[in-house]
Amino acid sequence: MAIKLRKWDSAEHLKTEEDMQAYLQVCIEESNGDAAFIAKALGNIAKAKGMAQLSRDTGLGRESLYKALSGDVNPSF
């Protein structure tokens, strides 16, 4: 019998504001200054909160938010 595995999604486990704050704090500490890593963490938090709502609140398109917070690009501050 084959074991079924599924990809880990951090956003599924960020249920409360406290969870999100602790997650972001740990990600910042572990990032070693990697802005893409922090962007990915912010993306996971945004996904947990609801990307559509964030899109409405900011006036930015969902696609733009997904791209900016994917961690696939290296943002510069």
C-alpha atoms as a PDB file:
ATOM      1  CA  MET A   1       0.000   0.000   0.000  1.00  0.00           C
ATOM      2  CA  ALA A   2       1.390   3.381  -1.009  1.00  0.00           C
ATOM      3  CA  ILE A   3       1.611   6.149   1.538  1.00  0.00           C
ATOM      4  CA  LYS A   4      -0.066   9.348   0.418  1.00  0.00           C
ATOM      5  CA  LEU A   5       1.807  12.518   1.230  1.00  0.00           C
ATOM      6  CA  ARG A   6       0.735  16.065   0.692  1.00  0.00           C
ATOM      7  CA  LYS A   7       2.715  19.248   0.504  1.00  0.00           C
ATOM      8  CA  TRP A   8       3.094  21.172   3.780  1.00  0.00           C
ATOM      9  CA  ASP A   9       1.193  24.455   3.798  1.00  0.00           C
ATOM     10  CA  SER A  10       2.135  26.704   6.706  1.00  0.00           C
ATOM     11  CA  ALA A  11      -0.928  28.879   6.122  1.00  0.00           C
ATOM     12  CA  GLU A  12      -3.204  26.001   7.155  1.00  0.00           C
ATOM     13  CA  HIS A  13      -1.686  26.080  10.645  1.00  0.00           C
ATOM     14  CA  LEU A  14      -1.821  29.821  11.266  1.00  0.00           C
ATOM     15  CA  LYS A  15      -5.186  30.083  12.979  1.00  0.00           C
ATOM     16  CA  THR A  16      -4.812  32.993  15.415  1.00  0.00           C
ATOM     17  CA  GLU A  17      -3.106  36.381  15.479  1.00  0.00           C
ATOM     18  CA  GLU A  18      -0.742  34.955  18.091  1.00  0.00           C
ATOM     19  CA  ASP A  19       0.171  32.071  15.757  1.00  0.00           C
ATOM     20  CA  MET A  20       0.882  34.532  12.962  1.00  0.00           C
ATOM     21  CA  GLN A  21       2.975  36.824  15.156  1.00  0.00           C
ATOM     22  CA  ALA A  22       5.046  33.946  16.519  1.00  0.00           C
ATOM     23  CA  TYR A  23       5.515  32.501  13.022  1.00  0.00           C
ATOM     24  CA  LEU A  24       6.689  35.829  11.608  1.00  0.00           C
ATOM     25  CA  GLN A  25       9.061  36.404  14.527  1.00  0.00           C
ATOM     26  CA  VAL A  26      10.685  32.998  14.049  1.00  0.00           C
ATOM     27  CA  CYS A  27      10.920  33.505  10.278  1.00  0.00           C
ATOM     28  CA  ILE A  28      12.631  36.871  10.758  1.00  0.00           C
ATOM     29  CA  GLU A  29      15.080  35.335  13.225  1.00  0.00           C
ATOM     30  CA  GLU A  30      15.842  32.419  10.883  1.00  0.00           C
ATOM     31  CA  SER A  31      15.994  34.443   7.657  1.00  0.00           C
ATOM     32  CA  ASN A  32      19.590  35.674   7.959  1.00  0.00           C
ATOM     33  CA  GLY A  33      18.459  38.826   6.176  1.00  0.00           C
ATOM     34  CA  ASP A  34      16.925  36.950   3.230  1.00  0.00           C
ATOM     35  CA  ALA A  35      14.148  39.287   2.061  1.00  0.00           C
ATOM     36  CA  ALA A  36      12.587  36.597  -0.161  1.00  0.00           C
ATOM     37  CA  PHE A  37      12.264  34.293   2.861  1.00  0.00           C
ATOM     38  CA  ILE A  38      10.488  37.030   4.822  1.00  0.00           C
ATOM     39  CA  ALA A  39       8.255  37.818   1.829  1.00  0.00           C
ATOM     40  CA  LYS A  40       7.260  34.138   1.679  1.00  0.00           C
ATOM     41  CA  ALA A  41       6.421  34.200   5.402  1.00  0.00           C
ATOM     42  CA  LEU A  42       4.284  37.309   4.878  1.00  0.00           C
ATOM     43  CA  GLY A  43       2.629  35.525   1.959  1.00  0.00           C
ATOM     44  CA  ASN A  44       1.773  32.550   4.173  1.00  0.00           C
ATOM     45  CA  ILE A  45       0.226  34.905   6.722  1.00  0.00           C
ATOM     46  CA  ALA A  46      -1.700  36.734   3.991  1.00  0.00           C
ATOM     47  CA  LYS A  47      -2.959  33.394   2.663  1.00  0.00           C
ATOM     48  CA  ALA A  48      -4.062  32.365   6.162  1.00  0.00           C
ATOM     49  CA  LYS A  49      -5.948  35.638   6.604  1.00  0.00           C
ATOM     50  CA  GLY A  50      -7.420  35.514   3.114  1.00  0.00           C
ATOM     51  CA  MET A  51      -5.699  36.872   0.033  1.00  0.00           C
ATOM     52  CA  ALA A  52      -8.970  38.151  -1.456  1.00  0.00           C
ATOM     53  CA  GLN A  53      -9.654  40.275   1.617  1.00  0.00           C
ATOM     54  CA  LEU A  54      -6.093  41.626   1.585  1.00  0.00           C
ATOM     55  CA  SER A  55      -6.575  42.490  -2.083  1.00  0.00           C
ATOM     56  CA  ARG A  56      -9.743  44.447  -1.283  1.00  0.00           C
ATOM     57  CA  ASP A  57      -8.137  46.168   1.720  1.00  0.00           C
ATOM     58  CA  THR A  58      -5.040  47.272  -0.211  1.00  0.00           C
ATOM     59  CA  GLY A  59      -6.527  47.855  -3.650  1.00  0.00           C
ATOM     60  CA  LEU A  60      -3.866  45.592  -5.155  1.00  0.00           C
ATOM     61  CA  GLY A  61      -4.710  42.716  -7.469  1.00  0.00           C
ATOM     62  CA  ARG A  62      -4.616  39.203  -6.029  1.00  0.00           C
ATOM     63  CA  GLU A  63      -2.179  38.098  -8.715  1.00  0.00           C
ATOM     64  CA  SER A  64       0.183  40.941  -7.809  1.00  0.00           C
ATOM     65  CA  LEU A  65      -0.012  40.028  -4.138  1.00  0.00           C
ATOM     66  CA  TYR A  66       0.639  36.345  -4.823  1.00  0.00           C
ATOM     67  CA  LYS A  67       3.667  37.241  -6.941  1.00  0.00           C
ATOM     68  CA  ALA A  68       5.083  39.785  -4.474  1.00  0.00           C
ATOM     69  CA  LEU A  69       4.612  37.468  -1.497  1.00  0.00           C
ATOM     70  CA  SER A  70       5.621  34.199  -3.152  1.00  0.00           C
ATOM     71  CA  GLY A  71       9.249  34.224  -2.083  1.00  0.00           C
ATOM     72  CA  ASP A  72      10.190  33.475  -5.697  1.00  0.00           C
ATOM     73  CA  VAL A  73      11.535  36.980  -6.225  1.00  0.00           C
ATOM     74  CA  ASN A  74      14.084  38.810  -4.130  1.00  0.00           C
ATOM     75  CA  PRO A  75      12.442  42.062  -3.069  1.00  0.00           C
ATOM     76  CA  SER A  76      14.600  45.067  -2.359  1.00  0.00           C
ATOM     77  CA  PHE A  77      13.786  47.468   0.410  1.00  0.00           C
END
